[in-house]
């Protein structure tokens, strides 16, 4: 059965151990949607270090994708997303 778009399907089967990228994607999406429960659940799937690495990797990939889409540098996009003035 397909998972609902934009939402985790709920508790994972006991046999499936989410990897750090699944945890990071779920954690970041939940934070963006202000879903504290889902964010906390995803944070328990992996170690804090692994989650931090996954979030870092997701951020880098997102900035690169937006930079290409906007035809801007990754530096410009990152600063813009954080509300910082241009360097």
C-alpha atoms as a PDB file:
ATOM      1  CA  UNK A   1       0.000   0.000   0.000  1.00  0.00           C
ATOM      2  CA  UNK A   2       1.499   3.415  -0.905  1.00  0.00           C
ATOM      3  CA  UNK A   3       2.367   5.841   1.852  1.00  0.00           C
ATOM      4  CA  UNK A   4       0.470   9.129   2.094  1.00  0.00           C
ATOM      5  CA  UNK A   5       2.319  11.966   0.419  1.00  0.00           C
ATOM      6  CA  UNK A   6       4.195  14.205   2.831  1.00  0.00           C
ATOM      7  CA  UNK A   7       3.517  12.077   5.905  1.00  0.00           C
ATOM      8  CA  UNK A   8       5.231   9.138   7.487  1.00  0.00           C
ATOM      9  CA  UNK A   9       3.176   5.989   7.302  1.00  0.00           C
ATOM     10  CA  UNK A  10       3.348   5.548  11.069  1.00  0.00           C
ATOM     11  CA  UNK A  11       5.376   3.054  13.041  1.00  0.00           C
ATOM     12  CA  UNK A  12       7.873   1.107  10.966  1.00  0.00           C
ATOM     13  CA  UNK A  13       7.732  -2.684  10.749  1.00  0.00           C
ATOM     14  CA  UNK A  14      10.089  -4.330  13.249  1.00  0.00           C
ATOM     15  CA  UNK A  15      12.220  -5.740  10.416  1.00  0.00           C
ATOM     16  CA  UNK A  16      12.913  -2.359   8.800  1.00  0.00           C
ATOM     17  CA  UNK A  17      15.509  -0.195  10.510  1.00  0.00           C
ATOM     18  CA  UNK A  18      15.397   3.321   9.046  1.00  0.00           C
ATOM     19  CA  UNK A  19      18.696   4.624   7.796  1.00  0.00           C
ATOM     20  CA  UNK A  20      20.105   8.037   8.618  1.00  0.00           C
ATOM     21  CA  UNK A  21      18.734   9.604   5.426  1.00  0.00           C
ATOM     22  CA  UNK A  22      15.183   8.386   6.144  1.00  0.00           C
ATOM     23  CA  UNK A  23      15.497   9.726   9.668  1.00  0.00           C
ATOM     24  CA  UNK A  24      16.837  13.085   8.462  1.00  0.00           C
ATOM     25  CA  UNK A  25      14.178  13.471   5.760  1.00  0.00           C
ATOM     26  CA  UNK A  26      11.365  12.660   8.173  1.00  0.00           C
ATOM     27  CA  UNK A  27      12.823  14.834  10.935  1.00  0.00           C
ATOM     28  CA  UNK A  28      13.304  17.894   8.694  1.00  0.00           C
ATOM     29  CA  UNK A  29       9.910  17.538   7.004  1.00  0.00           C
ATOM     30  CA  UNK A  30       8.238  17.184  10.405  1.00  0.00           C
ATOM     31  CA  UNK A  31      10.038  20.287  11.697  1.00  0.00           C
ATOM     32  CA  UNK A  32       8.917  22.217   8.610  1.00  0.00           C
ATOM     33  CA  UNK A  33       5.331  21.142   9.331  1.00  0.00           C
ATOM     34  CA  UNK A  34       5.658  21.853  13.090  1.00  0.00           C
ATOM     35  CA  UNK A  35       4.958  18.178  13.836  1.00  0.00           C
ATOM     36  CA  UNK A  36       6.939  17.758  17.056  1.00  0.00           C
ATOM     37  CA  UNK A  37       5.782  14.201  17.666  1.00  0.00           C
ATOM     38  CA  UNK A  38       6.932  12.926  14.262  1.00  0.00           C
ATOM     39  CA  UNK A  39      10.178  14.903  14.553  1.00  0.00           C
ATOM     40  CA  UNK A  40      10.939  13.343  17.946  1.00  0.00           C
ATOM     41  CA  UNK A  41      10.069   9.875  16.646  1.00  0.00           C
ATOM     42  CA  UNK A  42      12.443  10.215  13.683  1.00  0.00           C
ATOM     43  CA  UNK A  43      15.176  11.515  15.983  1.00  0.00           C
ATOM     44  CA  UNK A  44      15.020   8.205  17.882  1.00  0.00           C
ATOM     45  CA  UNK A  45      15.650   6.087  14.769  1.00  0.00           C
ATOM     46  CA  UNK A  46      19.386   6.836  14.637  1.00  0.00           C
ATOM     47  CA  UNK A  47      22.096   8.277  16.860  1.00  0.00           C
ATOM     48  CA  UNK A  48      22.248  12.056  17.291  1.00  0.00           C
ATOM     49  CA  UNK A  49      25.489  12.107  15.297  1.00  0.00           C
ATOM     50  CA  UNK A  50      23.939  10.177  12.407  1.00  0.00           C
ATOM     51  CA  UNK A  51      20.877  12.433  12.418  1.00  0.00           C
ATOM     52  CA  UNK A  52      23.113  15.532  12.355  1.00  0.00           C
ATOM     53  CA  UNK A  53      25.046  14.111   9.397  1.00  0.00           C
ATOM     54  CA  UNK A  54      21.815  13.316   7.544  1.00  0.00           C
ATOM     55  CA  UNK A  55      20.380  16.779   8.192  1.00  0.00           C
ATOM     56  CA  UNK A  56      23.666  18.327   7.006  1.00  0.00           C
ATOM     57  CA  UNK A  57      23.590  16.262   3.808  1.00  0.00           C
ATOM     58  CA  UNK A  58      19.937  17.162   3.202  1.00  0.00           C
ATOM     59  CA  UNK A  59      20.685  20.865   3.699  1.00  0.00           C
ATOM     60  CA  UNK A  60      23.579  20.752   1.245  1.00  0.00           C
ATOM     61  CA  UNK A  61      21.517  18.961  -1.388  1.00  0.00           C
ATOM     62  CA  UNK A  62      18.574  21.342  -0.900  1.00  0.00           C
ATOM     63  CA  UNK A  63      20.771  24.431  -1.260  1.00  0.00           C
ATOM     64  CA  UNK A  64      22.400  23.028  -4.400  1.00  0.00           C
ATOM     65  CA  UNK A  65      18.993  22.195  -5.929  1.00  0.00           C
ATOM     66  CA  UNK A  66      17.607  25.644  -5.136  1.00  0.00           C
ATOM     67  CA  UNK A  67      20.752  27.336  -6.441  1.00  0.00           C
ATOM     68  CA  UNK A  68      20.366  25.536  -9.772  1.00  0.00           C
ATOM     69  CA  UNK A  69      16.645  26.329  -9.904  1.00  0.00           C
ATOM     70  CA  UNK A  70      17.217  30.018  -9.132  1.00  0.00           C
ATOM     71  CA  UNK A  71      20.428  30.318 -11.180  1.00  0.00           C
ATOM     72  CA  UNK A  72      22.203  31.657  -8.092  1.00  0.00           C
ATOM     73  CA  UNK A  73      25.234  30.534  -6.133  1.00  0.00           C
ATOM     74  CA  UNK A  74      24.777  28.165  -3.194  1.00  0.00           C
ATOM     75  CA  UNK A  75      26.154  30.959  -0.962  1.00  0.00           C
ATOM     76  CA  UNK A  76      23.440  33.374  -2.135  1.00  0.00           C
ATOM     77  CA  UNK A  77      20.708  30.792  -1.623  1.00  0.00           C
ATOM     78  CA  UNK A  78      21.905  29.737   1.835  1.00  0.00           C
ATOM     79  CA  UNK A  79      22.131  33.333   3.034  1.00  0.00           C
ATOM     80  CA  UNK A  80      18.710  34.122   1.557  1.00  0.00           C
ATOM     81  CA  UNK A  81      17.081  31.126   3.258  1.00  0.00           C
ATOM     82  CA  UNK A  82      18.450  32.281   6.593  1.00  0.00           C
ATOM     83  CA  UNK A  83      17.438  35.891   6.030  1.00  0.00           C
ATOM     84  CA  UNK A  84      21.030  37.124   5.939  1.00  0.00           C
ATOM     85  CA  UNK A  85      22.221  40.020   3.799  1.00  0.00           C
ATOM     86  CA  UNK A  86      24.227  39.264   0.668  1.00  0.00           C
ATOM     87  CA  UNK A  87      27.918  38.720   1.313  1.00  0.00           C
END
